N, C-alpha and C. Protein backbone atom coordinates (compact mmCIF):
# COMPACT_ATOMS: atom_id res chain seq x y z
N MET A 1 -20.63 3.08 24.61
CA MET A 1 -19.65 2.46 25.50
C MET A 1 -18.48 1.94 24.69
N SER A 2 -17.28 2.17 25.17
CA SER A 2 -16.11 1.74 24.43
C SER A 2 -15.81 0.28 24.71
N GLN A 3 -15.23 -0.35 23.69
CA GLN A 3 -14.84 -1.75 23.84
C GLN A 3 -13.45 -1.83 24.43
N THR A 4 -13.03 -3.01 24.80
CA THR A 4 -11.69 -3.20 25.35
C THR A 4 -10.74 -3.47 24.19
N TYR A 5 -9.63 -2.76 24.18
CA TYR A 5 -8.62 -2.89 23.13
C TYR A 5 -7.36 -3.50 23.73
N SER A 6 -6.74 -4.39 22.97
CA SER A 6 -5.47 -4.97 23.41
C SER A 6 -4.34 -4.01 23.08
N ASP A 7 -3.19 -4.23 23.71
CA ASP A 7 -2.01 -3.42 23.38
C ASP A 7 -1.64 -3.59 21.91
N GLN A 8 -1.82 -4.81 21.39
CA GLN A 8 -1.51 -5.06 19.97
C GLN A 8 -2.41 -4.22 19.06
N GLN A 9 -3.67 -4.09 19.43
CA GLN A 9 -4.57 -3.27 18.62
C GLN A 9 -4.18 -1.79 18.71
N LEU A 10 -3.78 -1.35 19.88
CA LEU A 10 -3.35 0.03 20.03
C LEU A 10 -2.06 0.29 19.26
N GLN A 11 -1.16 -0.69 19.27
CA GLN A 11 0.07 -0.57 18.47
C GLN A 11 -0.27 -0.51 16.99
N ALA A 12 -1.20 -1.38 16.57
CA ALA A 12 -1.62 -1.38 15.17
C ALA A 12 -2.27 -0.05 14.80
N TYR A 13 -2.99 0.55 15.75
CA TYR A 13 -3.58 1.87 15.53
C TYR A 13 -2.46 2.89 15.27
N LEU A 14 -1.43 2.84 16.08
CA LEU A 14 -0.31 3.76 15.90
C LEU A 14 0.39 3.54 14.56
N ASP A 15 0.42 2.30 14.11
CA ASP A 15 1.04 1.97 12.83
C ASP A 15 0.10 2.17 11.65
N GLU A 16 -1.16 2.51 11.97
CA GLU A 16 -2.21 2.68 10.95
C GLU A 16 -2.42 1.42 10.14
N THR A 17 -2.45 0.28 10.83
CA THR A 17 -2.64 -0.99 10.15
C THR A 17 -3.95 -1.67 10.51
N LEU A 18 -4.79 -1.02 11.31
CA LEU A 18 -6.11 -1.57 11.62
C LEU A 18 -7.05 -1.36 10.44
N SER A 19 -8.12 -2.13 10.42
CA SER A 19 -9.14 -1.91 9.40
C SER A 19 -9.74 -0.52 9.61
N ALA A 20 -10.32 0.02 8.57
CA ALA A 20 -10.90 1.36 8.65
C ALA A 20 -12.00 1.43 9.70
N ASP A 21 -12.80 0.38 9.80
CA ASP A 21 -13.89 0.36 10.78
C ASP A 21 -13.35 0.39 12.21
N LEU A 22 -12.32 -0.44 12.46
CA LEU A 22 -11.76 -0.50 13.80
C LEU A 22 -11.01 0.80 14.14
N MET A 23 -10.35 1.38 13.15
CA MET A 23 -9.67 2.67 13.37
C MET A 23 -10.69 3.72 13.79
N ALA A 24 -11.81 3.76 13.08
CA ALA A 24 -12.84 4.76 13.39
C ALA A 24 -13.42 4.54 14.78
N ALA A 25 -13.67 3.28 15.13
CA ALA A 25 -14.22 2.97 16.45
C ALA A 25 -13.24 3.35 17.54
N LEU A 26 -11.97 3.04 17.33
CA LEU A 26 -10.95 3.36 18.33
C LEU A 26 -10.79 4.86 18.49
N GLU A 27 -10.80 5.59 17.39
CA GLU A 27 -10.69 7.05 17.47
C GLU A 27 -11.89 7.64 18.22
N ARG A 28 -13.07 7.11 17.96
CA ARG A 28 -14.26 7.57 18.69
C ARG A 28 -14.11 7.30 20.18
N ASP A 29 -13.65 6.08 20.52
CA ASP A 29 -13.50 5.71 21.92
C ASP A 29 -12.38 6.50 22.60
N LEU A 30 -11.34 6.83 21.87
CA LEU A 30 -10.25 7.62 22.45
C LEU A 30 -10.74 9.01 22.87
N ARG A 31 -11.66 9.58 22.11
CA ARG A 31 -12.17 10.91 22.45
C ARG A 31 -12.93 10.91 23.77
N GLY A 32 -13.54 9.77 24.11
CA GLY A 32 -14.36 9.76 25.31
C GLY A 32 -13.83 8.95 26.48
N ASP A 33 -12.63 8.40 26.38
CA ASP A 33 -12.12 7.51 27.43
C ASP A 33 -10.71 7.92 27.84
N ASP A 34 -10.61 8.59 28.99
CA ASP A 34 -9.30 9.07 29.46
C ASP A 34 -8.32 7.92 29.71
N SER A 35 -8.79 6.81 30.27
CA SER A 35 -7.88 5.70 30.58
C SER A 35 -7.33 5.08 29.30
N LEU A 36 -8.14 5.02 28.25
CA LEU A 36 -7.68 4.50 26.96
C LEU A 36 -6.62 5.42 26.37
N ARG A 37 -6.86 6.72 26.46
CA ARG A 37 -5.87 7.69 25.98
C ARG A 37 -4.56 7.55 26.74
N GLN A 38 -4.63 7.34 28.06
CA GLN A 38 -3.42 7.17 28.86
C GLN A 38 -2.65 5.91 28.47
N ARG A 39 -3.38 4.82 28.18
CA ARG A 39 -2.71 3.60 27.72
C ARG A 39 -1.98 3.86 26.41
N LEU A 40 -2.64 4.58 25.50
CA LEU A 40 -2.02 4.88 24.21
C LEU A 40 -0.80 5.77 24.39
N VAL A 41 -0.89 6.77 25.26
CA VAL A 41 0.25 7.64 25.55
C VAL A 41 1.40 6.81 26.12
N GLY A 42 1.09 5.87 26.99
CA GLY A 42 2.12 4.99 27.56
C GLY A 42 2.81 4.15 26.49
N LEU A 43 2.04 3.65 25.54
CA LEU A 43 2.64 2.86 24.45
C LEU A 43 3.53 3.73 23.56
N VAL A 44 3.10 4.94 23.32
CA VAL A 44 3.91 5.86 22.52
C VAL A 44 5.21 6.16 23.26
N GLY A 45 5.12 6.37 24.57
CA GLY A 45 6.32 6.61 25.37
C GLY A 45 7.28 5.44 25.34
N MET A 46 6.76 4.22 25.41
CA MET A 46 7.62 3.04 25.32
C MET A 46 8.30 2.96 23.97
N ARG A 47 7.57 3.29 22.91
CA ARG A 47 8.17 3.28 21.57
C ARG A 47 9.32 4.28 21.49
N GLU A 48 9.06 5.48 21.97
CA GLU A 48 10.07 6.53 21.88
C GLU A 48 11.26 6.24 22.78
N ALA A 49 11.04 5.48 23.84
CA ALA A 49 12.14 5.13 24.74
C ALA A 49 12.96 3.96 24.19
N GLY A 50 12.50 3.37 23.11
CA GLY A 50 13.24 2.27 22.50
C GLY A 50 12.90 0.91 23.07
N VAL A 51 11.77 0.79 23.75
CA VAL A 51 11.35 -0.50 24.30
C VAL A 51 10.52 -1.20 23.23
N HIS A 52 11.13 -2.19 22.60
CA HIS A 52 10.47 -2.87 21.49
C HIS A 52 10.51 -4.37 21.69
N GLY A 53 9.43 -5.00 21.31
CA GLY A 53 9.41 -6.45 21.24
C GLY A 53 9.69 -6.87 19.81
N LEU A 54 9.88 -8.15 19.61
CA LEU A 54 10.16 -8.66 18.27
C LEU A 54 9.02 -8.33 17.31
N GLY A 55 7.78 -8.49 17.79
CA GLY A 55 6.63 -8.17 16.94
C GLY A 55 6.60 -6.71 16.53
N GLU A 56 6.95 -5.83 17.45
CA GLU A 56 6.97 -4.40 17.15
C GLU A 56 8.03 -4.08 16.11
N ILE A 57 9.20 -4.67 16.25
CA ILE A 57 10.27 -4.45 15.27
C ILE A 57 9.82 -4.94 13.89
N TRP A 58 9.17 -6.11 13.88
CA TRP A 58 8.68 -6.71 12.63
C TRP A 58 7.66 -5.78 11.97
N ARG A 59 6.71 -5.29 12.75
CA ARG A 59 5.66 -4.42 12.19
C ARG A 59 6.23 -3.07 11.75
N ARG A 60 7.05 -2.49 12.58
CA ARG A 60 7.57 -1.15 12.28
C ARG A 60 8.41 -1.15 11.01
N ASN A 61 9.20 -2.20 10.82
CA ASN A 61 10.04 -2.28 9.62
C ASN A 61 9.35 -2.95 8.45
N ARG A 62 8.08 -3.34 8.66
CA ARG A 62 7.25 -3.95 7.61
C ARG A 62 7.98 -5.09 6.92
N LEU A 63 8.50 -6.00 7.73
CA LEU A 63 9.29 -7.10 7.20
C LEU A 63 8.46 -8.10 6.40
N SER A 64 7.15 -8.12 6.61
CA SER A 64 6.31 -9.04 5.86
C SER A 64 5.80 -8.43 4.55
N CYS A 65 6.02 -7.15 4.35
CA CYS A 65 5.55 -6.49 3.14
C CYS A 65 6.48 -6.78 1.96
N PRO A 66 5.90 -7.06 0.79
CA PRO A 66 6.73 -7.22 -0.40
C PRO A 66 7.34 -5.86 -0.80
N THR A 67 8.43 -5.91 -1.52
CA THR A 67 9.06 -4.68 -2.00
C THR A 67 8.22 -4.08 -3.12
N ARG A 68 8.48 -2.85 -3.44
CA ARG A 68 7.77 -2.19 -4.55
C ARG A 68 8.08 -2.91 -5.86
N GLN A 69 9.31 -3.38 -6.01
CA GLN A 69 9.68 -4.13 -7.22
C GLN A 69 8.88 -5.43 -7.31
N GLN A 70 8.70 -6.12 -6.17
CA GLN A 70 7.91 -7.34 -6.17
C GLN A 70 6.44 -7.04 -6.48
N LEU A 71 5.92 -5.93 -5.95
CA LEU A 71 4.55 -5.53 -6.26
C LEU A 71 4.40 -5.23 -7.75
N GLY A 72 5.42 -4.61 -8.35
CA GLY A 72 5.40 -4.36 -9.79
C GLY A 72 5.38 -5.66 -10.57
N GLY A 73 6.18 -6.62 -10.15
CA GLY A 73 6.16 -7.94 -10.78
C GLY A 73 4.82 -8.62 -10.63
N PHE A 74 4.21 -8.46 -9.47
CA PHE A 74 2.87 -9.00 -9.21
C PHE A 74 1.87 -8.40 -10.18
N LEU A 75 1.93 -7.10 -10.35
CA LEU A 75 1.02 -6.39 -11.24
C LEU A 75 1.17 -6.88 -12.69
N LEU A 76 2.40 -7.16 -13.08
CA LEU A 76 2.66 -7.61 -14.45
C LEU A 76 2.53 -9.12 -14.61
N GLY A 77 2.38 -9.84 -13.49
CA GLY A 77 2.33 -11.30 -13.56
C GLY A 77 3.68 -11.89 -13.90
N ALA A 78 4.75 -11.22 -13.49
CA ALA A 78 6.11 -11.61 -13.86
C ALA A 78 6.91 -12.16 -12.69
N ILE A 79 6.24 -12.74 -11.68
CA ILE A 79 6.93 -13.33 -10.54
C ILE A 79 6.50 -14.78 -10.40
N ASP A 80 7.27 -15.55 -9.63
CA ASP A 80 6.94 -16.96 -9.49
C ASP A 80 5.62 -17.15 -8.73
N ASP A 81 5.03 -18.31 -8.87
CA ASP A 81 3.69 -18.59 -8.33
C ASP A 81 3.62 -18.44 -6.82
N GLN A 82 4.65 -18.89 -6.10
CA GLN A 82 4.62 -18.81 -4.64
C GLN A 82 4.60 -17.36 -4.17
N LEU A 83 5.42 -16.52 -4.77
CA LEU A 83 5.43 -15.10 -4.40
C LEU A 83 4.11 -14.44 -4.81
N GLN A 84 3.59 -14.83 -5.95
CA GLN A 84 2.29 -14.30 -6.41
C GLN A 84 1.20 -14.63 -5.39
N MET A 85 1.19 -15.87 -4.90
CA MET A 85 0.19 -16.29 -3.91
C MET A 85 0.39 -15.55 -2.58
N TYR A 86 1.66 -15.36 -2.17
CA TYR A 86 1.92 -14.65 -0.93
C TYR A 86 1.44 -13.21 -1.01
N ILE A 87 1.75 -12.54 -2.10
CA ILE A 87 1.34 -11.14 -2.24
C ILE A 87 -0.18 -11.03 -2.28
N GLN A 88 -0.83 -11.96 -2.98
CA GLN A 88 -2.29 -11.96 -3.02
C GLN A 88 -2.86 -12.13 -1.61
N PHE A 89 -2.28 -13.05 -0.83
CA PHE A 89 -2.69 -13.26 0.56
C PHE A 89 -2.45 -11.99 1.38
N HIS A 90 -1.29 -11.40 1.22
CA HIS A 90 -0.92 -10.19 1.97
C HIS A 90 -1.92 -9.06 1.69
N LEU A 91 -2.31 -8.93 0.43
CA LEU A 91 -3.25 -7.86 0.07
C LEU A 91 -4.67 -8.18 0.51
N ASP A 92 -5.12 -9.41 0.26
CA ASP A 92 -6.53 -9.77 0.51
C ASP A 92 -6.81 -10.09 1.97
N GLU A 93 -5.98 -10.92 2.57
CA GLU A 93 -6.27 -11.39 3.93
C GLU A 93 -5.70 -10.47 5.00
N ILE A 94 -4.46 -10.04 4.84
CA ILE A 94 -3.85 -9.13 5.81
C ILE A 94 -4.42 -7.73 5.61
N GLY A 95 -4.69 -7.39 4.36
CA GLY A 95 -5.27 -6.07 4.06
C GLY A 95 -4.30 -4.93 4.31
N CYS A 96 -3.04 -5.15 4.00
CA CYS A 96 -2.01 -4.13 4.25
C CYS A 96 -2.30 -2.88 3.43
N ARG A 97 -2.60 -1.80 4.14
CA ARG A 97 -2.96 -0.56 3.45
C ARG A 97 -1.77 0.06 2.73
N LEU A 98 -0.58 -0.09 3.26
CA LEU A 98 0.60 0.46 2.60
C LEU A 98 0.83 -0.25 1.26
N CYS A 99 0.72 -1.56 1.26
CA CYS A 99 0.92 -2.32 0.02
C CYS A 99 -0.19 -2.05 -0.98
N HIS A 100 -1.42 -1.89 -0.49
CA HIS A 100 -2.52 -1.51 -1.39
C HIS A 100 -2.24 -0.16 -2.04
N ALA A 101 -1.75 0.78 -1.25
CA ALA A 101 -1.44 2.12 -1.78
C ALA A 101 -0.31 2.04 -2.80
N ASN A 102 0.72 1.25 -2.50
CA ASN A 102 1.82 1.07 -3.45
C ASN A 102 1.32 0.46 -4.75
N LEU A 103 0.48 -0.57 -4.64
CA LEU A 103 -0.04 -1.24 -5.82
C LEU A 103 -0.91 -0.29 -6.65
N GLU A 104 -1.74 0.50 -5.98
CA GLU A 104 -2.57 1.47 -6.70
C GLU A 104 -1.69 2.50 -7.42
N ASP A 105 -0.62 2.93 -6.77
CA ASP A 105 0.30 3.88 -7.39
C ASP A 105 0.97 3.26 -8.61
N LEU A 106 1.40 2.02 -8.49
CA LEU A 106 2.02 1.32 -9.63
C LEU A 106 1.02 1.16 -10.78
N GLN A 107 -0.22 0.83 -10.45
CA GLN A 107 -1.25 0.70 -11.49
C GLN A 107 -1.50 2.03 -12.18
N ARG A 108 -1.55 3.11 -11.40
CA ARG A 108 -1.76 4.44 -11.98
C ARG A 108 -0.60 4.80 -12.91
N GLN A 109 0.63 4.54 -12.45
CA GLN A 109 1.80 4.84 -13.28
C GLN A 109 1.77 4.03 -14.57
N ARG A 110 1.40 2.77 -14.46
CA ARG A 110 1.35 1.90 -15.64
C ARG A 110 0.30 2.42 -16.62
N THR A 111 -0.86 2.80 -16.12
CA THR A 111 -1.92 3.34 -16.98
C THR A 111 -1.46 4.61 -17.67
N GLU A 112 -0.80 5.49 -16.92
CA GLU A 112 -0.30 6.73 -17.51
C GLU A 112 0.77 6.45 -18.56
N GLN A 113 1.65 5.48 -18.31
CA GLN A 113 2.70 5.15 -19.27
C GLN A 113 2.12 4.54 -20.54
N LEU A 114 1.11 3.68 -20.38
CA LEU A 114 0.47 3.10 -21.57
C LEU A 114 -0.24 4.17 -22.39
N ALA A 115 -0.91 5.09 -21.72
CA ALA A 115 -1.59 6.19 -22.42
C ALA A 115 -0.58 7.07 -23.15
N ALA A 116 0.54 7.36 -22.50
CA ALA A 116 1.58 8.18 -23.14
C ALA A 116 2.17 7.46 -24.35
N ALA A 117 2.38 6.16 -24.24
CA ALA A 117 2.93 5.38 -25.36
C ALA A 117 1.95 5.37 -26.53
N GLN A 118 0.66 5.23 -26.25
CA GLN A 118 -0.33 5.25 -27.32
C GLN A 118 -0.37 6.62 -28.00
N MET A 119 -0.28 7.68 -27.22
CA MET A 119 -0.28 9.03 -27.77
C MET A 119 0.96 9.23 -28.66
N ARG A 120 2.11 8.75 -28.19
CA ARG A 120 3.34 8.86 -28.98
C ARG A 120 3.20 8.12 -30.31
N ARG A 121 2.68 6.89 -30.24
CA ARG A 121 2.50 6.12 -31.49
C ARG A 121 1.57 6.85 -32.44
N ARG A 122 0.48 7.40 -31.92
CA ARG A 122 -0.49 8.11 -32.76
C ARG A 122 0.18 9.32 -33.41
N ARG A 123 0.98 10.05 -32.64
CA ARG A 123 1.66 11.23 -33.19
C ARG A 123 2.68 10.83 -34.25
N TYR A 124 3.43 9.74 -34.01
CA TYR A 124 4.39 9.26 -35.02
C TYR A 124 3.67 8.91 -36.30
N PHE A 125 2.57 8.20 -36.16
CA PHE A 125 1.81 7.80 -37.34
C PHE A 125 1.27 9.01 -38.08
N GLN A 126 0.68 9.97 -37.32
CA GLN A 126 0.11 11.16 -37.95
C GLN A 126 1.19 12.00 -38.64
N SER A 127 2.37 12.08 -38.02
CA SER A 127 3.42 12.90 -38.62
C SER A 127 4.06 12.24 -39.82
N SER A 128 3.97 10.94 -39.91
CA SER A 128 4.59 10.24 -41.04
C SER A 128 3.58 9.78 -42.07
N ALA A 129 2.29 9.87 -41.80
CA ALA A 129 1.26 9.35 -42.71
C ALA A 129 1.32 10.07 -44.06
N GLY A 130 1.38 11.37 -44.07
CA GLY A 130 1.44 12.12 -45.33
C GLY A 130 2.74 11.85 -46.07
N TYR A 131 3.82 11.72 -45.35
CA TYR A 131 5.12 11.48 -45.96
C TYR A 131 5.14 10.11 -46.64
N LEU A 132 4.63 9.12 -45.98
CA LEU A 132 4.62 7.77 -46.54
C LEU A 132 3.70 7.69 -47.75
N SER A 133 2.54 8.31 -47.72
CA SER A 133 1.62 8.21 -48.85
C SER A 133 2.17 8.98 -50.05
N ALA A 134 2.88 10.09 -49.84
CA ALA A 134 3.44 10.85 -50.95
C ALA A 134 4.53 10.06 -51.65
N HIS A 135 5.37 9.33 -50.91
CA HIS A 135 6.45 8.54 -51.50
C HIS A 135 5.92 7.25 -52.11
N SER A 136 4.82 6.75 -51.63
CA SER A 136 4.30 5.48 -52.17
C SER A 136 3.70 5.68 -53.56
N ARG A 137 3.35 6.93 -53.93
CA ARG A 137 2.79 7.22 -55.25
C ARG A 137 3.88 7.34 -56.31
N ASP A 138 5.11 7.56 -55.92
CA ASP A 138 6.23 7.76 -56.89
C ASP A 138 6.59 6.51 -57.61
């Protein structure tokens, strides 16, 4: 039996901002409930017609999400404490999947850059090791 979903939950489904468990439950219920599908179709139609509330504008433009630059500062610990606490709250309590994905991408890039820098240093050392030892004997 399907549960009752609010319009806000259906909007969040369209924005892909629900928890994974709730997304899965809603998708399961959508397959078996014609009236739920019609409600969702109606909300999509309102969106496309330009009927927006303040909350919808806020969610669609992700006004509460930190910028990628702020997420990078968060990752490096290079932002002020208040912003650090807000981003931590946004990630942990709100569970913003877009910001989690951005942060994971930034972490991956940082790891790749550190690995590349280490490889470069190793190559510089290896290419100059024989040269330095030969001149140090003179």
